[in-house]
Protein backbone atom coordinates (compact mmCIF):
# COMPACT_ATOMS: atom_id res chain seq x y z
CA MET A 1 -10.03 27.51 16.66
CA ILE A 2 -6.56 26.03 16.06
CA PRO A 3 -4.11 29.04 16.15
CA TYR A 4 -2.15 29.66 13.00
CA VAL A 5 1.59 28.97 13.23
CA PRO A 6 3.87 29.59 10.20
CA ALA A 7 5.25 26.45 8.67
CA ARG A 8 8.89 25.56 9.49
CA ALA A 9 11.26 24.84 6.69
CA ALA A 10 11.71 20.97 7.33
CA GLU A 11 15.26 19.68 6.51
CA ALA A 12 13.91 16.20 6.20
CA VAL A 13 10.68 14.18 6.02
CA PRO A 14 9.93 13.06 9.61
CA VAL A 15 9.29 9.41 10.63
CA ILE A 16 6.33 8.78 12.94
CA ASP A 17 6.08 5.51 14.87
CA LEU A 18 2.45 4.44 14.83
CA ALA A 19 2.84 1.88 17.81
CA GLY A 20 1.19 4.38 20.19
CA ALA A 21 -1.81 4.79 17.81
CA SER A 22 -3.18 1.42 18.68
CA SER A 23 -2.88 2.07 22.40
CA ALA A 24 -5.91 1.74 24.62
CA GLU A 25 -4.78 4.96 26.30
CA LEU A 26 -6.01 8.10 24.70
CA ALA A 27 -2.95 10.00 25.89
CA ASN A 28 -0.75 7.70 23.79
CA ARG A 29 -2.93 8.27 20.74
CA LEU A 30 -2.88 11.94 21.31
CA ALA A 31 0.92 11.94 21.42
CA VAL A 32 1.12 10.30 18.03
CA ALA A 33 -1.58 12.71 16.73
CA GLY A 34 0.61 15.65 17.95
CA GLU A 35 3.54 14.42 15.70
CA VAL A 36 1.06 14.14 12.88
CA HIS A 37 0.00 17.70 13.38
CA ARG A 38 3.41 19.16 13.31
CA ALA A 39 4.25 17.21 10.07
CA CYS A 40 1.02 18.24 8.45
CA ARG A 41 1.64 21.96 9.16
CA ASP A 42 5.31 21.99 8.26
CA ILE A 43 5.70 19.86 5.15
CA GLY A 44 2.63 17.78 4.59
CA PHE A 45 4.68 14.53 4.39
CA PHE A 46 5.84 11.94 6.94
CA TYR A 47 6.88 8.27 7.00
CA VAL A 48 5.02 5.86 9.14
CA ALA A 49 6.74 2.99 10.99
CA ASN A 50 5.14 0.11 12.87
CA HIS A 51 2.07 0.53 10.68
CA GLY A 52 0.73 -3.10 10.96
CA VAL A 53 0.85 -4.04 7.30
CA ASP A 54 2.46 -7.36 6.68
CA ARG A 55 5.89 -7.07 5.11
CA ALA A 56 5.30 -10.06 2.95
CA LEU A 57 2.18 -8.50 1.47
CA VAL A 58 4.04 -5.46 0.50
CA ALA A 59 6.95 -7.40 -1.09
CA ALA A 60 4.36 -9.46 -2.96
CA GLN A 61 2.69 -6.25 -4.23
CA PHE A 62 6.01 -5.19 -5.95
CA ASP A 63 6.51 -8.71 -7.40
CA TRP A 64 3.01 -8.57 -8.94
CA ALA A 65 3.62 -5.06 -10.30
CA ARG A 66 6.77 -6.33 -12.09
CA ARG A 67 4.75 -9.19 -13.60
CA PHE A 68 1.96 -6.93 -14.73
CA PHE A 69 4.26 -4.43 -16.43
CA ALA A 70 6.14 -7.28 -18.04
CA LEU A 71 3.04 -8.43 -19.90
CA PRO A 72 3.04 -8.07 -23.70
CA GLN A 73 1.87 -4.51 -24.65
CA ALA A 74 -1.21 -5.85 -26.39
CA ASP A 75 -2.36 -7.56 -23.17
CA LYS A 76 -1.99 -4.29 -21.23
CA ASP A 77 -3.67 -2.32 -23.95
CA ALA A 78 -6.73 -4.70 -23.77
CA ILE A 79 -7.55 -3.15 -20.40
CA ALA A 80 -6.47 0.44 -21.24
CA LEU A 81 -8.09 3.31 -19.20
CA SER A 82 -9.65 4.50 -22.55
CA ARG A 83 -11.75 1.26 -22.73
CA SER A 84 -13.09 1.70 -19.14
CA PRO A 85 -16.15 3.83 -18.29
CA CYS A 86 -14.67 4.55 -14.87
CA ASN A 87 -10.96 5.05 -15.27
CA ARG A 88 -9.82 1.58 -14.40
CA GLY A 89 -7.12 -0.57 -15.88
CA TYR A 90 -3.85 0.28 -17.72
CA GLU A 91 -2.39 3.77 -18.17
CA PRO A 92 0.01 3.87 -21.06
CA MET A 93 3.45 5.56 -20.90
CA GLY A 94 3.14 9.34 -21.23
CA GLY A 95 -0.60 9.09 -20.50
CA GLN A 96 -0.61 11.63 -17.69
CA THR A 97 0.84 15.09 -17.32
CA LEU A 98 1.02 16.06 -13.63
CA ASP A 99 2.75 19.32 -14.14
CA ALA A 100 0.96 21.29 -16.89
CA ASP A 101 4.17 23.15 -17.73
CA THR A 102 6.06 20.06 -18.58
CA PRO A 103 5.93 17.24 -21.19
CA PRO A 104 3.93 14.07 -20.39
CA ASP A 105 5.27 12.02 -17.42
CA LEU A 106 7.69 9.11 -18.09
CA LYS A 107 5.69 6.42 -16.46
CA GLU A 108 3.04 3.82 -17.00
CA GLY A 109 0.44 2.65 -14.53
CA PHE A 110 -2.45 0.53 -13.39
CA TYR A 111 -5.68 1.71 -11.63
CA MET A 112 -7.96 -0.24 -9.41
CA GLY A 113 -10.69 1.14 -7.08
CA TRP A 114 -13.72 0.23 -4.99
CA HIS A 115 -15.47 -2.30 -7.23
CA LEU A 116 -19.00 -1.57 -8.01
CA GLU A 117 -21.14 -3.75 -10.40
CA PRO A 118 -22.82 -2.07 -13.43
CA ASP A 119 -26.24 -2.26 -11.68
CA HIS A 120 -25.07 -0.48 -8.62
CA PRO A 121 -27.19 2.73 -7.97
CA LEU A 122 -24.19 5.02 -8.18
CA VAL A 123 -23.01 3.45 -11.36
CA ARG A 124 -26.49 3.72 -12.91
CA ALA A 125 -26.48 7.45 -11.91
CA GLY A 126 -23.46 7.98 -13.99
CA LEU A 127 -21.15 9.22 -11.26
CA PRO A 128 -17.66 9.58 -12.66
CA ASN A 129 -15.04 6.95 -11.64
CA HIS A 130 -17.55 4.55 -10.24
CA GLY A 131 -17.87 1.06 -11.55
CA PRO A 132 -16.03 -2.25 -12.04
CA ASN A 133 -12.32 -2.91 -12.11
CA ALA A 134 -10.52 -4.24 -15.12
CA TRP A 135 -8.15 -7.21 -14.86
CA PRO A 136 -5.51 -8.52 -17.25
CA ALA A 137 -6.13 -11.88 -18.88
CA GLY A 138 -3.48 -14.54 -18.41
CA LEU A 139 -2.20 -13.34 -15.01
CA PRO A 140 -3.90 -15.58 -12.40
CA GLY A 141 -3.43 -14.46 -8.79
CA PHE A 142 -3.07 -10.83 -9.67
CA ARG A 143 -6.54 -9.86 -8.87
CA GLU A 144 -6.42 -11.55 -5.48
CA GLN A 145 -3.19 -9.93 -4.50
CA MET A 146 -4.51 -6.38 -5.56
CA GLN A 147 -7.68 -6.95 -3.49
CA ALA A 148 -5.67 -8.16 -0.39
CA TYR A 149 -3.34 -5.13 -0.57
CA TYR A 150 -6.20 -2.72 -1.19
CA ALA A 151 -8.02 -4.06 1.96
CA ALA A 152 -4.87 -3.78 4.14
CA LEU A 153 -4.14 -0.19 2.93
CA PHE A 154 -7.69 0.80 3.34
CA ASP A 155 -7.51 -0.20 6.93
CA LEU A 156 -4.25 1.59 7.57
CA GLY A 157 -5.66 4.78 5.80
CA ARG A 158 -8.65 4.79 8.12
CA ARG A 159 -6.50 4.48 11.15
CA ILE A 160 -4.28 7.41 9.90
CA ALA A 161 -7.46 9.41 9.30
CA ARG A 162 -8.42 8.97 12.91
CA LEU A 163 -5.07 10.37 13.94
CA VAL A 164 -5.59 13.27 11.56
CA ALA A 165 -8.99 13.92 13.31
CA LEU A 166 -7.42 13.87 16.74
CA SER A 167 -4.65 16.15 15.50
CA LEU A 168 -7.27 18.69 14.51
CA GLU A 169 -9.05 18.62 17.87
CA LEU A 170 -11.96 16.75 16.40
CA PRO A 171 -13.63 13.59 17.75
CA GLU A 172 -11.43 10.46 16.74
CA ASP A 173 -14.18 9.10 14.65
CA HIS A 174 -14.90 12.37 12.74
CA PHE A 175 -14.05 10.94 9.27
CA ASP A 176 -15.32 7.36 9.97
CA GLY A 177 -18.53 7.82 8.14
CA ASP A 178 -17.01 9.38 5.02
CA PHE A 179 -15.90 6.14 3.47
CA GLU A 180 -19.13 4.24 2.83
CA THR A 181 -18.51 3.92 -0.93
CA PRO A 182 -15.05 5.52 -1.22
CA MET A 183 -13.38 6.80 -4.40
CA THR A 184 -10.19 5.34 -3.01
CA ILE A 185 -7.73 4.24 -5.72
CA LEU A 186 -4.79 1.87 -5.73
CA ARG A 187 -2.18 2.42 -8.49
CA LEU A 188 0.88 0.55 -9.63
CA LEU A 189 3.46 2.77 -11.32
CA HIS A 190 6.47 1.78 -13.42
CA TYR A 191 9.21 4.36 -14.26
CA PRO A 192 11.75 3.08 -16.84
CA PRO A 193 15.33 4.26 -16.68
CA HIS A 194 15.50 8.03 -17.28
CA PRO A 195 16.17 8.29 -21.12
CA ALA A 196 19.29 10.24 -22.09
CA ASN A 197 17.27 12.12 -24.79
CA ALA A 198 14.57 13.23 -22.40
CA ARG A 199 13.71 16.91 -22.54
CA PRO A 200 15.21 19.01 -19.84
CA ASN A 201 11.95 19.44 -17.93
CA GLN A 202 10.62 16.01 -18.45
CA LEU A 203 10.28 13.81 -15.31
CA GLY A 204 8.84 10.50 -14.25
CA ALA A 205 6.22 12.41 -12.41
CA GLY A 206 6.03 16.24 -12.74
CA ALA A 207 5.80 18.49 -9.68
CA HIS A 208 2.17 18.13 -8.38
CA THR A 209 0.04 17.87 -5.32
CA ASP A 210 -2.21 14.86 -4.71
CA TRP A 211 -6.01 15.21 -4.88
CA GLY A 212 -7.56 13.37 -2.12
CA LEU A 213 -7.43 13.05 1.70
CA ILE A 214 -4.19 11.25 2.16
CA THR A 215 -1.82 9.22 0.01
CA ILE A 216 0.01 6.10 1.41
CA LEU A 217 3.17 5.25 -0.80
CA ALA A 218 5.23 2.17 -1.00
CA GLN A 219 8.44 2.74 -2.99
CA ASP A 220 11.08 0.37 -4.06
CA ASP A 221 14.80 0.91 -3.33
CA CYS A 222 15.54 3.03 -6.41
CA GLY A 223 14.59 6.36 -4.76
CA GLY A 224 13.60 9.51 -6.80
CA LEU A 225 10.83 11.02 -4.74
CA GLU A 226 11.52 14.63 -3.97
CA VAL A 227 9.34 16.93 -1.61
CA ARG A 228 9.52 20.77 -1.53
CA ASN A 229 9.82 22.34 1.96
CA ALA A 230 8.49 25.72 3.17
CA ASP A 231 11.63 27.50 1.70
CA GLY A 232 11.16 25.98 -1.72
CA VAL A 233 14.01 23.60 -1.37
CA TRP A 234 13.53 20.10 -2.80
CA LEU A 235 14.14 17.38 -0.25
CA GLN A 236 14.86 13.74 -1.00
CA ALA A 237 12.44 11.29 0.44
CA PRO A 238 14.47 8.03 0.13
CA PRO A 239 12.99 4.64 0.78
CA ILE A 240 13.18 3.54 4.35
CA PRO A 241 12.63 -0.16 5.00
CA ASP A 242 9.33 -1.31 6.46
CA THR A 243 7.83 2.20 6.21
CA PHE A 244 5.36 4.03 4.05
CA VAL A 245 5.46 7.64 2.93
CA VAL A 246 2.22 9.46 3.79
CA ASN A 247 1.25 12.80 2.30
CA LEU A 248 -1.71 15.04 2.49
CA GLY A 249 -3.96 15.71 -0.56
CA ASP A 250 -5.72 18.75 -1.70
CA MET A 251 -9.04 17.64 0.02
CA LEU A 252 -7.34 17.80 3.43
CA GLU A 253 -5.97 21.28 2.74
CA ARG A 254 -9.47 22.40 1.74
CA TRP A 255 -11.07 20.81 4.81
CA THR A 256 -8.49 22.46 7.12
CA ASN A 257 -8.83 25.87 5.53
CA GLY A 258 -5.21 25.82 4.44
CA LEU A 259 -3.93 24.85 7.98
CA TYR A 260 -2.51 21.61 6.77
CA ARG A 261 -0.35 21.47 3.53
CA SER A 262 -0.90 19.45 0.41
CA ASN A 263 2.62 19.82 -0.72
CA LEU A 264 4.46 19.70 -4.13
CA HIS A 265 6.40 16.60 -4.88
CA ARG A 266 7.99 14.96 -8.01
CA VAL A 267 9.71 11.88 -9.19
CA ARG A 268 12.78 11.35 -11.38
CA ASN A 269 14.17 7.83 -11.73
CA ALA A 270 17.81 8.62 -10.94
CA ALA A 271 18.82 5.00 -10.60
CA ALA A 272 21.11 4.33 -13.52
CA GLY A 273 19.84 1.67 -15.84
CA ARG A 274 17.08 0.48 -13.36
CA ASP A 275 13.39 0.37 -13.53
CA ARG A 276 11.63 1.99 -10.60
CA TYR A 277 8.27 0.76 -9.24
CA SER A 278 6.02 2.39 -6.59
CA VAL A 279 2.59 1.63 -5.21
CA PRO A 280 0.53 4.76 -4.22
CA PHE A 281 -2.75 4.27 -2.39
CA PHE A 282 -5.07 7.35 -2.55
CA LEU A 283 -7.59 7.32 0.34
CA GLU A 284 -10.51 9.36 -0.89
CA PRO A 285 -14.04 9.72 0.69
CA SER A 286 -17.35 8.90 -0.88
CA TYR A 287 -18.50 11.07 -3.88
CA HIS A 288 -21.18 13.14 -2.06
CA VAL A 289 -19.17 14.03 1.01
CA ARG A 290 -19.06 17.75 1.30
CA LEU A 291 -15.70 19.51 1.57
CA GLU A 292 -16.44 22.38 3.91
CA CYS A 293 -13.80 24.00 6.17
CA LEU A 294 -13.71 22.34 9.52
CA PRO A 295 -14.96 24.42 12.54
CA THR A 296 -11.69 24.00 14.42
CA CYS A 297 -9.92 25.64 11.46
CA THR A 298 -12.01 28.71 11.01
CA GLY A 299 -13.17 31.45 13.37
CA PRO A 300 -12.91 35.24 13.98
CA GLY A 301 -10.35 36.69 11.65
CA ASN A 302 -9.94 33.40 9.77
CA PRO A 303 -13.02 32.82 7.56
CA PRO A 304 -13.38 29.95 5.14
CA ARG A 305 -10.96 30.42 2.13
CA TYR A 306 -12.38 27.65 0.02
CA PRO A 307 -16.03 27.41 -1.34
CA PRO A 308 -17.85 24.14 -0.55
CA CYS A 309 -17.93 21.40 -3.02
CA SER A 310 -18.40 17.60 -3.13
CA ALA A 311 -15.46 15.28 -2.95
CA GLY A 312 -16.53 13.85 -6.27
CA GLU A 313 -16.69 17.23 -8.07
CA HIS A 314 -13.15 17.89 -6.92
CA ILE A 315 -11.71 14.60 -8.06
CA ALA A 316 -13.52 14.76 -11.46
CA GLU A 317 -11.96 18.10 -12.13
CA MET A 318 -8.48 16.94 -11.27
CA TYR A 319 -8.75 14.01 -13.70
CA ARG A 320 -9.91 16.44 -16.34
CA ARG A 321 -6.79 18.69 -15.83
CA THR A 322 -4.09 16.06 -15.65
CA TYR A 323 -5.17 13.91 -18.58
CA ALA A 324 -5.90 16.81 -20.90
CA LYS A 325 -2.35 16.58 -22.34
CA ALA A 326 -2.14 12.85 -22.63
CA ALA A 327 0.21 11.71 -25.28
């Protein structure tokens, strides 16, 4: 059993160099996993550098995000989430409330996921959030870019999951089999300039934790992401060139019996007069994967704190909660 160590109050989100994670030497990979372990226990957030994703692909992703959100409203509404049987497509401004105690979030978005045709067995079984993606008309090249970025981030996510396994004293391939038909979601987000007449507690994204295994975030140079440390202090997580921000989701906190932290974070577009864009990638396992506390995180005097459930049941409940107050 991994011994419990109280979280330290981080003063900044750490940067982890992933170069050693691709080493043929296990000792080098374990060294990186050790950095991941400390970050996961202290704050649940870290940047990754030398991650292997092409800089040009990331830049193109932001270009296409701007093009998508610049479409006429009618074109975006034609692929609205409300028209999709599996929560794919366009999310209108104010469509989500991440903090139940605040007004709806000041952002609009786009969802894509692991594409399944309508005749796929999981779709025919009626599993939530399983099915085909929705694409805007009149934006050639958009679909191909989204698919290329999704594939690159899925590869990075699985490499980080291997580091997480090592950090938990598990076999490196422990999570490999959990992504056969993943619920992984790629989103595009657009935050307009913060309105002068916004309500005092209204943000671009209210304080929340993420739902899945890990999130890999690309953010533009506007800034605005804030992370709460162990002392309850909100820390800035500013953009750092050629890095992604990685944070843990609720699934990993459940799996680790609370050892690792799925931490609160929020967004306020503080860049005067500028639109903010970000691209979060939510790595989530297949629907029927069981979330049961890992053996290295339980033991005498530390019984499981979370009842078992499936990954799909957990995600479906999170969708229900955060869209209940949609504007």
